[in-house]
């Protein structure tokens, strides 16, 4: 793993940590669930004859789900990058903490 790959993995891990913090956030969960429930209530209460309104609401629900799916994808990428870096053999714990020496060890 070269320097660029290591930096890419580190960035993915950081983004994954941010995504996890968002998904674990009580205010995010509350907001997401509340908005989604409001959309679904509007959709259920809409007239069956108002197909344009129903379709618009359904698209809003789908887009809201897309946002959450993207955040989950960023989290999963970070977890995979973390696994890849953890699979790199270490000489000792202090060696892992010294990123400069780790990069040198990896051929970066």
PDB file of N, CA and C in Angstrom:
ATOM      1  N   UNK A   1       0.866  -1.167   0.000  1.00  0.00           N
ATOM      2  CA  UNK A   1       0.000   0.000   0.000  1.00  0.00           C
ATOM      3  C   UNK A   1       0.911   1.228   0.000  1.00  0.00           C
ATOM      4  N   UNK A   2       0.734   2.088  -1.000  1.00  0.00           N
ATOM      5  CA  UNK A   2       1.584   3.274  -1.072  1.00  0.00           C
ATOM      6  C   UNK A   2       0.971   4.438  -0.296  1.00  0.00           C
ATOM      7  N   UNK A   3       1.687   5.547  -0.292  1.00  0.00           N
ATOM      8  CA  UNK A   3       1.281   6.741   0.459  1.00  0.00           C
ATOM      9  C   UNK A   3      -0.114   7.236   0.074  1.00  0.00           C
ATOM     10  N   UNK A   4      -0.386   7.286  -1.228  1.00  0.00           N
ATOM     11  CA  UNK A   4      -1.690   7.781  -1.693  1.00  0.00           C
ATOM     12  C   UNK A   4      -2.828   6.864  -1.247  1.00  0.00           C
ATOM     13  N   UNK A   5      -2.588   5.566  -1.332  1.00  0.00           N
ATOM     14  CA  UNK A   5      -3.614   4.603  -0.914  1.00  0.00           C
ATOM     15  C   UNK A   5      -3.861   4.695   0.591  1.00  0.00           C
ATOM     16  N   UNK A   6      -2.785   4.861   1.356  1.00  0.00           N
ATOM     17  CA  UNK A   6      -2.907   4.994   2.798  1.00  0.00           C
ATOM     18  C   UNK A   6      -3.708   6.247   3.157  1.00  0.00           C
ATOM     19  N   UNK A   7      -3.390   7.357   2.502  1.00  0.00           N
ATOM     20  CA  UNK A   7      -4.133   8.602   2.756  1.00  0.00           C
ATOM     21  C   UNK A   7      -5.598   8.460   2.358  1.00  0.00           C
ATOM     22  N   UNK A   8      -5.852   7.768   1.246  1.00  0.00           N
ATOM     23  CA  UNK A   8      -7.233   7.544   0.807  1.00  0.00           C
ATOM     24  C   UNK A   8      -7.989   6.736   1.855  1.00  0.00           C
ATOM     25  N   UNK A   9      -7.385   5.663   2.352  1.00  0.00           N
ATOM     26  CA  UNK A   9      -8.033   4.834   3.373  1.00  0.00           C
ATOM     27  C   UNK A   9      -8.290   5.638   4.648  1.00  0.00           C
ATOM     28  N   UNK A  10      -7.310   6.458   5.044  1.00  0.00           N
ATOM     29  CA  UNK A  10      -7.475   7.281   6.247  1.00  0.00           C
ATOM     30  C   UNK A  10      -8.631   8.269   6.081  1.00  0.00           C
ATOM     31  N   UNK A  11      -8.752   8.848   4.892  1.00  0.00           N
ATOM     32  CA  UNK A  11      -9.850   9.782   4.624  1.00  0.00           C
ATOM     33  C   UNK A  11     -11.191   9.046   4.649  1.00  0.00           C
ATOM     34  N   UNK A  12     -11.234   7.853   4.065  1.00  0.00           N
ATOM     35  CA  UNK A  12     -12.465   7.066   4.072  1.00  0.00           C
ATOM     36  C   UNK A  12     -12.860   6.679   5.501  1.00  0.00           C
ATOM     37  N   UNK A  13     -11.871   6.371   6.319  1.00  0.00           N
ATOM     38  CA  UNK A  13     -12.159   6.034   7.716  1.00  0.00           C
ATOM     39  C   UNK A  13     -12.728   7.247   8.436  1.00  0.00           C
ATOM     40  N   UNK A  14     -12.137   8.413   8.231  1.00  0.00           N
ATOM     41  CA  UNK A  14     -12.637   9.637   8.866  1.00  0.00           C
ATOM     42  C   UNK A  14     -14.061   9.945   8.408  1.00  0.00           C
ATOM     43  N   UNK A  15     -14.308   9.825   7.109  1.00  0.00           N
ATOM     44  CA  UNK A  15     -15.661  10.060   6.597  1.00  0.00           C
ATOM     45  C   UNK A  15     -16.634   9.025   7.161  1.00  0.00           C
ATOM     46  N   UNK A  16     -16.179   7.788   7.300  1.00  0.00           N
ATOM     47  CA  UNK A  16     -17.010   6.744   7.892  1.00  0.00           C
ATOM     48  C   UNK A  16     -17.367   7.059   9.336  1.00  0.00           C
ATOM     49  N   UNK A  17     -16.385   7.584  10.071  1.00  0.00           N
ATOM     50  CA  UNK A  17     -16.641   7.980  11.455  1.00  0.00           C
ATOM     51  C   UNK A  17     -17.664   9.112  11.524  1.00  0.00           C
ATOM     52  N   UNK A  18     -17.556  10.055  10.591  1.00  0.00           N
ATOM     53  CA  UNK A  18     -18.526  11.150  10.544  1.00  0.00           C
ATOM     54  C   UNK A  18     -19.916  10.616  10.204  1.00  0.00           C
ATOM     55  N   UNK A  19     -19.984   9.690   9.262  1.00  0.00           N
ATOM     56  CA  UNK A  19     -21.270   9.098   8.878  1.00  0.00           C
ATOM     57  C   UNK A  19     -21.887   8.355  10.068  1.00  0.00           C
ATOM     58  N   UNK A  20     -21.061   7.623  10.800  1.00  0.00           N
ATOM     59  CA  UNK A  20     -21.559   6.902  11.979  1.00  0.00           C
ATOM     60  C   UNK A  20     -22.107   7.874  13.007  1.00  0.00           C
ATOM     61  N   UNK A  21     -21.392   8.985  13.211  1.00  0.00           N
ATOM     62  CA  UNK A  21     -21.859   9.989  14.178  1.00  0.00           C
ATOM     63  C   UNK A  21     -23.211  10.556  13.748  1.00  0.00           C
ATOM     64  N   UNK A  22     -23.386  10.768  12.457  1.00  0.00           N
ATOM     65  CA  UNK A  22     -24.669  11.279  11.956  1.00  0.00           C
ATOM     66  C   UNK A  22     -25.774  10.247  12.197  1.00  0.00           C
ATOM     67  N   UNK A  23     -25.519   9.009  11.784  1.00  0.00           N
ATOM     68  CA  UNK A  23     -26.532   7.969  11.918  1.00  0.00           C
ATOM     69  C   UNK A  23     -26.869   7.664  13.376  1.00  0.00           C
ATOM     70  N   UNK A  24     -25.891   7.817  14.253  1.00  0.00           N
ATOM     71  CA  UNK A  24     -26.107   7.578  15.682  1.00  0.00           C
ATOM     72  C   UNK A  24     -26.721   8.776  16.392  1.00  0.00           C
ATOM     73  N   UNK A  25     -26.751   9.900  15.720  1.00  0.00           N
ATOM     74  CA  UNK A  25     -27.258  11.128  16.328  1.00  0.00           C
ATOM     75  C   UNK A  25     -28.762  11.036  16.579  1.00  0.00           C
ATOM     76  N   UNK A  26     -29.141  11.316  17.801  1.00  0.00           N
ATOM     77  CA  UNK A  26     -30.562  11.277  18.148  1.00  0.00           C
ATOM     78  C   UNK A  26     -31.360  12.282  17.322  1.00  0.00           C
ATOM     79  N   UNK A  27     -30.794  13.466  17.115  1.00  0.00           N
ATOM     80  CA  UNK A  27     -31.516  14.505  16.355  1.00  0.00           C
ATOM     81  C   UNK A  27     -31.665  14.091  14.889  1.00  0.00           C
ATOM     82  N   UNK A  28     -30.659  13.409  14.325  1.00  0.00           N
ATOM     83  CA  UNK A  28     -30.794  12.930  12.951  1.00  0.00           C
ATOM     84  C   UNK A  28     -31.892  11.887  12.860  1.00  0.00           C
ATOM     85  N   UNK A  29     -31.840  10.886  13.744  1.00  0.00           N
ATOM     86  CA  UNK A  29     -32.861   9.830  13.715  1.00  0.00           C
ATOM     87  C   UNK A  29     -34.256  10.415  13.910  1.00  0.00           C
ATOM     88  N   UNK A  30     -34.377  11.321  14.877  1.00  0.00           N
ATOM     89  CA  UNK A  30     -35.672  11.951  15.136  1.00  0.00           C
ATOM     90  C   UNK A  30     -36.149  12.737  13.919  1.00  0.00           C
ATOM     91  N   UNK A  31     -35.248  13.508  13.328  1.00  0.00           N
ATOM     92  CA  UNK A  31     -35.605  14.325  12.158  1.00  0.00           C
ATOM     93  C   UNK A  31     -35.980  13.446  10.976  1.00  0.00           C
ATOM     94  N   UNK A  32     -35.155  12.452  10.696  1.00  0.00           N
ATOM     95  CA  UNK A  32     -35.411  11.569   9.567  1.00  0.00           C
ATOM     96  C   UNK A  32     -36.756  10.858   9.731  1.00  0.00           C
ATOM     97  N   UNK A  33     -36.958  10.272  10.896  1.00  0.00           N
ATOM     98  CA  UNK A  33     -38.203   9.531  11.134  1.00  0.00           C
ATOM     99  C   UNK A  33     -39.423  10.441  11.092  1.00  0.00           C
ATOM    100  N   UNK A  34     -39.287  11.639  11.633  1.00  0.00           N
ATOM    101  CA  UNK A  34     -40.402  12.584  11.656  1.00  0.00           C
ATOM    102  C   UNK A  34     -40.776  13.043  10.248  1.00  0.00           C
ATOM    103  N   UNK A  35     -39.763  13.427   9.477  1.00  0.00           N
ATOM    104  CA  UNK A  35     -40.026  13.888   8.105  1.00  0.00           C
ATOM    105  C   UNK A  35     -40.599  12.750   7.270  1.00  0.00           C
ATOM    106  N   UNK A  36     -40.026  11.561   7.402  1.00  0.00           N
ATOM    107  CA  UNK A  36     -40.529  10.421   6.624  1.00  0.00           C
ATOM    108  C   UNK A  36     -41.975  10.102   7.014  1.00  0.00           C
ATOM    109  N   UNK A  37     -42.280  10.143   8.292  1.00  0.00           N
ATOM    110  CA  UNK A  37     -43.650   9.871   8.755  1.00  0.00           C
ATOM    111  C   UNK A  37     -44.614  10.932   8.223  1.00  0.00           C
ATOM    112  N   UNK A  38     -44.185  12.193   8.227  1.00  0.00           N
ATOM    113  CA  UNK A  38     -45.031  13.262   7.683  1.00  0.00           C
ATOM    114  C   UNK A  38     -45.315  13.041   6.202  1.00  0.00           C
ATOM    115  N   UNK A  39     -44.278  12.667   5.444  1.00  0.00           N
ATOM    116  CA  UNK A  39     -44.464  12.392   4.021  1.00  0.00           C
ATOM    117  C   UNK A  39     -45.436  11.226   3.821  1.00  0.00           C
ATOM    118  N   UNK A  40     -45.254  10.165   4.597  1.00  0.00           N
ATOM    119  CA  UNK A  40     -46.120   8.997   4.445  1.00  0.00           C
ATOM    120  C   UNK A  40     -47.563   9.325   4.834  1.00  0.00           C
ATOM    121  N   UNK A  41     -47.740  10.125   5.880  1.00  0.00           N
ATOM    122  CA  UNK A  41     -49.089  10.546   6.272  1.00  0.00           C
ATOM    123  C   UNK A  41     -49.744  11.353   5.149  1.00  0.00           C
ATOM    124  N   UNK A  42     -48.978  12.262   4.563  1.00  0.00           N
ATOM    125  CA  UNK A  42     -49.507  13.072   3.455  1.00  0.00           C
ATOM    126  C   UNK A  42     -49.888  12.186   2.281  1.00  0.00           C
ATOM    127  N   UNK A  43     -49.051  11.206   2.005  1.00  0.00           N
ATOM    128  CA  UNK A  43     -49.319  10.298   0.896  1.00  0.00           C
ATOM    129  C   UNK A  43     -50.584   9.475   1.166  1.00  0.00           C
ATOM    130  N   UNK A  44     -50.697   8.955   2.386  1.00  0.00           N
ATOM    131  CA  UNK A  44     -51.858   8.134   2.727  1.00  0.00           C
ATOM    132  C   UNK A  44     -53.156   8.940   2.743  1.00  0.00           C
ATOM    133  N   UNK A  45     -53.060  10.218   3.112  1.00  0.00           N
ATOM    134  CA  UNK A  45     -54.256  11.053   3.198  1.00  0.00           C
ATOM    135  C   UNK A  45     -54.617  11.720   1.878  1.00  0.00           C
ATOM    136  N   UNK A  46     -53.755  11.588   0.888  1.00  0.00           N
ATOM    137  CA  UNK A  46     -54.041  12.226  -0.393  1.00  0.00           C
ATOM    138  C   UNK A  46     -55.151  11.461  -1.123  1.00  0.00           C
ATOM    139  N   UNK A  47     -55.822  12.180  -1.959  1.00  0.00           N
ATOM    140  CA  UNK A  47     -56.903  11.584  -2.742  1.00  0.00           C
ATOM    141  C   UNK A  47     -56.318  10.633  -3.779  1.00  0.00           C
ATOM    142  N   UNK A  48     -56.987   9.527  -3.956  1.00  0.00           N
ATOM    143  CA  UNK A  48     -56.532   8.556  -4.956  1.00  0.00           C
ATOM    144  C   UNK A  48     -56.583   9.161  -6.359  1.00  0.00           C
ATOM    145  N   UNK A  49     -57.408  10.172  -6.532  1.00  0.00           N
ATOM    146  CA  UNK A  49     -57.526  10.840  -7.832  1.00  0.00           C
ATOM    147  C   UNK A  49     -56.405  11.841  -8.080  1.00  0.00           C
ATOM    148  N   UNK A  50     -55.667  12.203  -7.041  1.00  0.00           N
ATOM    149  CA  UNK A  50     -54.597  13.193  -7.176  1.00  0.00           C
ATOM    150  C   UNK A  50     -53.259  12.486  -7.365  1.00  0.00           C
ATOM    151  N   UNK A  51     -53.127  11.836  -8.503  1.00  0.00           N
ATOM    152  CA  UNK A  51     -51.941  11.020  -8.757  1.00  0.00           C
ATOM    153  C   UNK A  51     -50.663  11.857  -8.819  1.00  0.00           C
ATOM    154  N   UNK A  52     -50.762  13.082  -9.303  1.00  0.00           N
ATOM    155  CA  UNK A  52     -49.563  13.936  -9.386  1.00  0.00           C
ATOM    156  C   UNK A  52     -49.028  14.235  -7.985  1.00  0.00           C
ATOM    157  N   UNK A  53     -49.932  14.563  -7.062  1.00  0.00           N
ATOM    158  CA  UNK A  53     -49.518  14.841  -5.689  1.00  0.00           C
ATOM    159  C   UNK A  53     -48.954  13.582  -5.035  1.00  0.00           C
ATOM    160  N   UNK A  54     -49.609  12.458  -5.223  1.00  0.00           N
ATOM    161  CA  UNK A  54     -49.156  11.206  -4.624  1.00  0.00           C
ATOM    162  C   UNK A  54     -47.779  10.814  -5.153  1.00  0.00           C
ATOM    163  N   UNK A  55     -47.585  10.992  -6.438  1.00  0.00           N
ATOM    164  CA  UNK A  55     -46.289  10.653  -7.030  1.00  0.00           C
ATOM    165  C   UNK A  55     -45.193  11.585  -6.491  1.00  0.00           C
ATOM    166  N   UNK A  56     -45.505  12.860  -6.369  1.00  0.00           N
ATOM    167  CA  UNK A  56     -44.539  13.821  -5.841  1.00  0.00           C
ATOM    168  C   UNK A  56     -44.138  13.461  -4.407  1.00  0.00           C
ATOM    169  N   UNK A  57     -45.108  13.131  -3.589  1.00  0.00           N
ATOM    170  CA  UNK A  57     -44.820  12.748  -2.200  1.00  0.00           C
ATOM    171  C   UNK A  57     -43.991  11.471  -2.172  1.00  0.00           C
ATOM    172  N   UNK A  58     -44.345  10.511  -3.002  1.00  0.00           N
ATOM    173  CA  UNK A  58     -43.601   9.260  -3.033  1.00  0.00           C
ATOM    174  C   UNK A  58     -42.147   9.494  -3.449  1.00  0.00           C
ATOM    175  N   UNK A  59     -41.931  10.389  -4.391  1.00  0.00           N
ATOM    176  CA  UNK A  59     -40.565  10.737  -4.812  1.00  0.00           C
ATOM    177  C   UNK A  59     -39.805  11.405  -3.660  1.00  0.00           C
ATOM    178  N   UNK A  60     -40.475  12.225  -2.869  1.00  0.00           N
ATOM    179  CA  UNK A  60     -39.839  12.864  -1.718  1.00  0.00           C
ATOM    180  C   UNK A  60     -39.383  11.811  -0.713  1.00  0.00           C
ATOM    181  N   UNK A  61     -40.218  10.809  -0.484  1.00  0.00           N
ATOM    182  CA  UNK A  61     -39.852   9.712   0.419  1.00  0.00           C
ATOM    183  C   UNK A  61     -38.638   8.969  -0.141  1.00  0.00           C
ATOM    184  N   UNK A  62     -38.665   8.694  -1.425  1.00  0.00           N
ATOM    185  CA  UNK A  62     -37.552   7.969  -2.054  1.00  0.00           C
ATOM    186  C   UNK A  62     -36.251   8.763  -1.948  1.00  0.00           C
ATOM    187  N   UNK A  63     -36.314  10.069  -2.171  1.00  0.00           N
ATOM    188  CA  UNK A  63     -35.109  10.906  -2.086  1.00  0.00           C
ATOM    189  C   UNK A  63     -34.596  10.980  -0.650  1.00  0.00           C
ATOM    190  N   UNK A  64     -35.501  11.039   0.290  1.00  0.00           N
ATOM    191  CA  UNK A  64     -35.103  11.043   1.694  1.00  0.00           C
ATOM    192  C   UNK A  64     -34.369   9.737   2.028  1.00  0.00           C
ATOM    193  N   UNK A  65     -34.895   8.626   1.564  1.00  0.00           N
ATOM    194  CA  UNK A  65     -34.242   7.332   1.772  1.00  0.00           C
ATOM    195  C   UNK A  65     -32.883   7.277   1.075  1.00  0.00           C
ATOM    196  N   UNK A  66     -32.777   7.927  -0.095  1.00  0.00           N
ATOM    197  CA  UNK A  66     -31.501   7.971  -0.813  1.00  0.00           C
ATOM    198  C   UNK A  66     -30.426   8.680   0.014  1.00  0.00           C
ATOM    199  N   UNK A  67     -30.805   9.740   0.698  1.00  0.00           N
ATOM    200  CA  UNK A  67     -29.846  10.468   1.537  1.00  0.00           C
ATOM    201  C   UNK A  67     -29.320   9.542   2.634  1.00  0.00           C
ATOM    202  N   UNK A  68     -30.214   8.861   3.301  1.00  0.00           N
ATOM    203  CA  UNK A  68     -29.801   7.947   4.369  1.00  0.00           C
ATOM    204  C   UNK A  68     -28.938   6.825   3.802  1.00  0.00           C
ATOM    205  N   UNK A  69     -29.303   6.287   2.662  1.00  0.00           N
ATOM    206  CA  UNK A  69     -28.530   5.214   2.034  1.00  0.00           C
ATOM    207  C   UNK A  69     -27.115   5.670   1.697  1.00  0.00           C
ATOM    208  N   UNK A  70     -26.975   6.911   1.264  1.00  0.00           N
ATOM    209  CA  UNK A  70     -25.646   7.434   0.952  1.00  0.00           C
ATOM    210  C   UNK A  70     -24.787   7.509   2.219  1.00  0.00           C
ATOM    211  N   UNK A  71     -25.368   7.976   3.305  1.00  0.00           N
ATOM    212  CA  UNK A  71     -24.632   8.070   4.567  1.00  0.00           C
ATOM    213  C   UNK A  71     -24.216   6.678   5.023  1.00  0.00           C
ATOM    214  N   UNK A  72     -25.100   5.700   4.902  1.00  0.00           N
ATOM    215  CA  UNK A  72     -24.778   4.313   5.261  1.00  0.00           C
ATOM    216  C   UNK A  72     -23.649   3.791   4.373  1.00  0.00           C
ATOM    217  N   UNK A  73     -23.663   4.129   3.096  1.00  0.00           N
ATOM    218  CA  UNK A  73     -22.614   3.698   2.177  1.00  0.00           C
ATOM    219  C   UNK A  73     -21.247   4.279   2.571  1.00  0.00           C
ATOM    220  N   UNK A  74     -21.231   5.555   2.973  1.00  0.00           N
ATOM    221  CA  UNK A  74     -19.984   6.179   3.424  1.00  0.00           C
ATOM    222  C   UNK A  74     -19.470   5.456   4.672  1.00  0.00           C
ATOM    223  N   UNK A  75     -20.372   5.116   5.580  1.00  0.00           N
ATOM    224  CA  UNK A  75     -19.993   4.368   6.786  1.00  0.00           C
ATOM    225  C   UNK A  75     -19.394   3.013   6.407  1.00  0.00           C
ATOM    226  N   UNK A  76     -20.039   2.294   5.513  1.00  0.00           N
ATOM    227  CA  UNK A  76     -19.552   0.970   5.117  1.00  0.00           C
ATOM    228  C   UNK A  76     -18.185   1.050   4.444  1.00  0.00           C
ATOM    229  N   UNK A  77     -17.980   2.060   3.625  1.00  0.00           N
ATOM    230  CA  UNK A  77     -16.679   2.254   2.988  1.00  0.00           C
ATOM    231  C   UNK A  77     -15.607   2.500   4.037  1.00  0.00           C
ATOM    232  N   UNK A  78     -15.923   3.323   5.024  1.00  0.00           N
ATOM    233  CA  UNK A  78     -14.975   3.584   6.106  1.00  0.00           C
ATOM    234  C   UNK A  78     -14.642   2.327   6.883  1.00  0.00           C
ATOM    235  N   UNK A  79     -15.639   1.502   7.147  1.00  0.00           N
ATOM    236  CA  UNK A  79     -15.410   0.256   7.868  1.00  0.00           C
ATOM    237  C   UNK A  79     -14.528  -0.703   7.059  1.00  0.00           C
ATOM    238  N   UNK A  80     -14.748  -0.753   5.751  1.00  0.00           N
ATOM    239  CA  UNK A  80     -13.917  -1.606   4.896  1.00  0.00           C
ATOM    240  C   UNK A  80     -12.474  -1.104   4.878  1.00  0.00           C
ATOM    241  N   UNK A  81     -12.287   0.211   4.795  1.00  0.00           N
ATOM    242  CA  UNK A  81     -10.943   0.783   4.801  1.00  0.00           C
ATOM    243  C   UNK A  81     -10.249   0.520   6.123  1.00  0.00           C
ATOM    244  N   UNK A  82     -10.993   0.628   7.211  1.00  0.00           N
ATOM    245  CA  UNK A  82     -10.436   0.347   8.532  1.00  0.00           C
ATOM    246  C   UNK A  82      -9.976  -1.115   8.614  1.00  0.00           C
ATOM    247  N   UNK A  83     -10.776  -2.019   8.063  1.00  0.00           N
ATOM    248  CA  UNK A  83     -10.423  -3.442   8.046  1.00  0.00           C
ATOM    249  C   UNK A  83      -9.161  -3.657   7.216  1.00  0.00           C
ATOM    250  N   UNK A  84      -9.080  -2.988   6.073  1.00  0.00           N
ATOM    251  CA  UNK A  84      -7.905  -3.148   5.220  1.00  0.00           C
ATOM    252  C   UNK A  84      -6.640  -2.690   5.951  1.00  0.00           C
ATOM    253  N   UNK A  85      -6.724  -1.568   6.637  1.00  0.00           N
ATOM    254  CA  UNK A  85      -5.554  -1.078   7.361  1.00  0.00           C
ATOM    255  C   UNK A  85      -5.225  -1.953   8.558  1.00  0.00           C
ATOM    256  N   UNK A  86      -6.242  -2.522   9.196  1.00  0.00           N
ATOM    257  CA  UNK A  86      -5.970  -3.374  10.355  1.00  0.00           C
ATOM    258  C   UNK A  86      -5.341  -4.695   9.939  1.00  0.00           C
ATOM    259  N   UNK A  87      -5.508  -5.071   8.678  1.00  0.00           N
ATOM    260  CA  UNK A  87      -4.910  -6.312   8.185  1.00  0.00           C
ATOM    261  C   UNK A  87      -3.413  -6.172   7.898  1.00  0.00           C
ATOM    262  N   UNK A  88      -2.911  -4.933   7.908  1.00  0.00           N
ATOM    263  CA  UNK A  88      -1.483  -4.703   7.688  1.00  0.00           C
ATOM    264  C   UNK A  88      -0.746  -5.116   8.956  1.00  0.00           C
ATOM    265  N   UNK A  89       0.226  -6.012   8.840  1.00  0.00           N
ATOM    266  CA  UNK A  89       0.926  -6.444  10.048  1.00  0.00           C
ATOM    267  C   UNK A  89       1.700  -5.290  10.683  1.00  0.00           C
ATOM    268  N   UNK A  90       1.684  -5.249  11.994  1.00  0.00           N
ATOM    269  CA  UNK A  90       2.408  -4.204  12.705  1.00  0.00           C
ATOM    270  C   UNK A  90       3.561  -4.814  13.481  1.00  0.00           C
ATOM    271  N   UNK A  91       4.592  -4.022  13.671  1.00  0.00           N
ATOM    272  CA  UNK A  91       5.747  -4.476  14.433  1.00  0.00           C
ATOM    273  C   UNK A  91       5.464  -4.345  15.922  1.00  0.00           C
ATOM    274  N   UNK A  92       4.899  -3.209  16.321  1.00  0.00           N
ATOM    275  CA  UNK A  92       4.468  -2.999  17.702  1.00  0.00           C
ATOM    276  C   UNK A  92       3.487  -1.832  17.713  1.00  0.00           C
ATOM    277  N   UNK A  93       2.728  -1.662  18.801  1.00  0.00           N
ATOM    278  CA  UNK A  93       1.700  -0.610  18.827  1.00  0.00           C
ATOM    279  C   UNK A  93       2.238   0.790  18.571  1.00  0.00           C
ATOM    280  N   UNK A  94       3.418   1.120  19.083  1.00  0.00           N
ATOM    281  CA  UNK A  94       3.928   2.474  18.874  1.00  0.00           C
ATOM    282  C   UNK A  94       4.291   2.704  17.413  1.00  0.00           C
ATOM    283  N   UNK A  95       4.632   1.624  16.690  1.00  0.00           N
ATOM    284  CA  UNK A  95       4.952   1.767  15.276  1.00  0.00           C
ATOM    285  C   UNK A  95       3.728   2.228  14.492  1.00  0.00           C
ATOM    286  N   UNK A  96       2.546   1.688  14.829  1.00  0.00           N
ATOM    287  CA  UNK A  96       1.321   2.089  14.139  1.00  0.00           C
ATOM    288  C   UNK A  96       0.999   3.550  14.389  1.00  0.00           C
ATOM    289  N   UNK A  97       1.341   4.047  15.553  1.00  0.00           N
ATOM    290  CA  UNK A  97       1.035   5.434  15.874  1.00  0.00           C
ATOM    291  C   UNK A  97       1.918   6.404  15.094  1.00  0.00           C
ATOM    292  N   UNK A  98       3.057   5.965  14.672  1.00  0.00           N
ATOM    293  CA  UNK A  98       3.972   6.822  13.923  1.00  0.00           C
ATOM    294  C   UNK A  98       3.697   6.654  12.437  1.00  0.00           C
ATOM    295  N   UNK A  99       2.853   7.500  11.897  1.00  0.00           N
ATOM    296  CA  UNK A  99       2.418   7.363  10.506  1.00  0.00           C
ATOM    297  C   UNK A  99       3.576   7.482   9.517  1.00  0.00           C
ATOM    298  N   UNK A 100       4.537   8.295   9.815  1.00  0.00           N
ATOM    299  CA  UNK A 100       5.681   8.442   8.922  1.00  0.00           C
ATOM    300  C   UNK A 100       6.450   7.152   8.771  1.00  0.00           C
ATOM    301  N   UNK A 101       6.693   6.475   9.886  1.00  0.00           N
ATOM    302  CA  UNK A 101       7.413   5.199   9.818  1.00  0.00           C
ATOM    303  C   UNK A 101       6.539   4.119   9.181  1.00  0.00           C
ATOM    304  N   UNK A 102       5.226   4.167   9.420  1.00  0.00           N
ATOM    305  CA  UNK A 102       4.325   3.193   8.809  1.00  0.00           C
ATOM    306  C   UNK A 102       4.341   3.353   7.299  1.00  0.00           C
ATOM    307  N   UNK A 103       4.293   4.580   6.831  1.00  0.00           N
ATOM    308  CA  UNK A 103       4.323   4.819   5.386  1.00  0.00           C
ATOM    309  C   UNK A 103       5.628   4.314   4.784  1.00  0.00           C
ATOM    310  N   UNK A 104       6.729   4.536   5.476  1.00  0.00           N
ATOM    311  CA  UNK A 104       8.018   4.058   5.004  1.00  0.00           C
ATOM    312  C   UNK A 104       8.020   2.531   4.944  1.00  0.00           C
ATOM    313  N   UNK A 105       7.490   1.901   5.980  1.00  0.00           N
ATOM    314  CA  UNK A 105       7.419   0.446   6.049  1.00  0.00           C
ATOM    315  C   UNK A 105       6.595  -0.115   4.883  1.00  0.00           C
ATOM    316  N   UNK A 106       5.542   0.615   4.511  1.00  0.00           N
ATOM    317  CA  UNK A 106       4.654   0.148   3.443  1.00  0.00           C
ATOM    318  C   UNK A 106       5.178   0.479   2.051  1.00  0.00           C
ATOM    319  N   UNK A 107       6.315   1.158   1.988  1.00  0.00           N
ATOM    320  CA  UNK A 107       6.907   1.464   0.700  1.00  0.00           C
ATOM    321  C   UNK A 107       6.448   2.775   0.122  1.00  0.00           C
ATOM    322  N   UNK A 108       5.914   3.662   0.960  1.00  0.00           N
ATOM    323  CA  UNK A 108       5.384   4.952   0.492  1.00  0.00           C
ATOM    324  C   UNK A 108       6.377   6.037   0.430  1.00  0.00           C
TER     325      UNK A 108
END
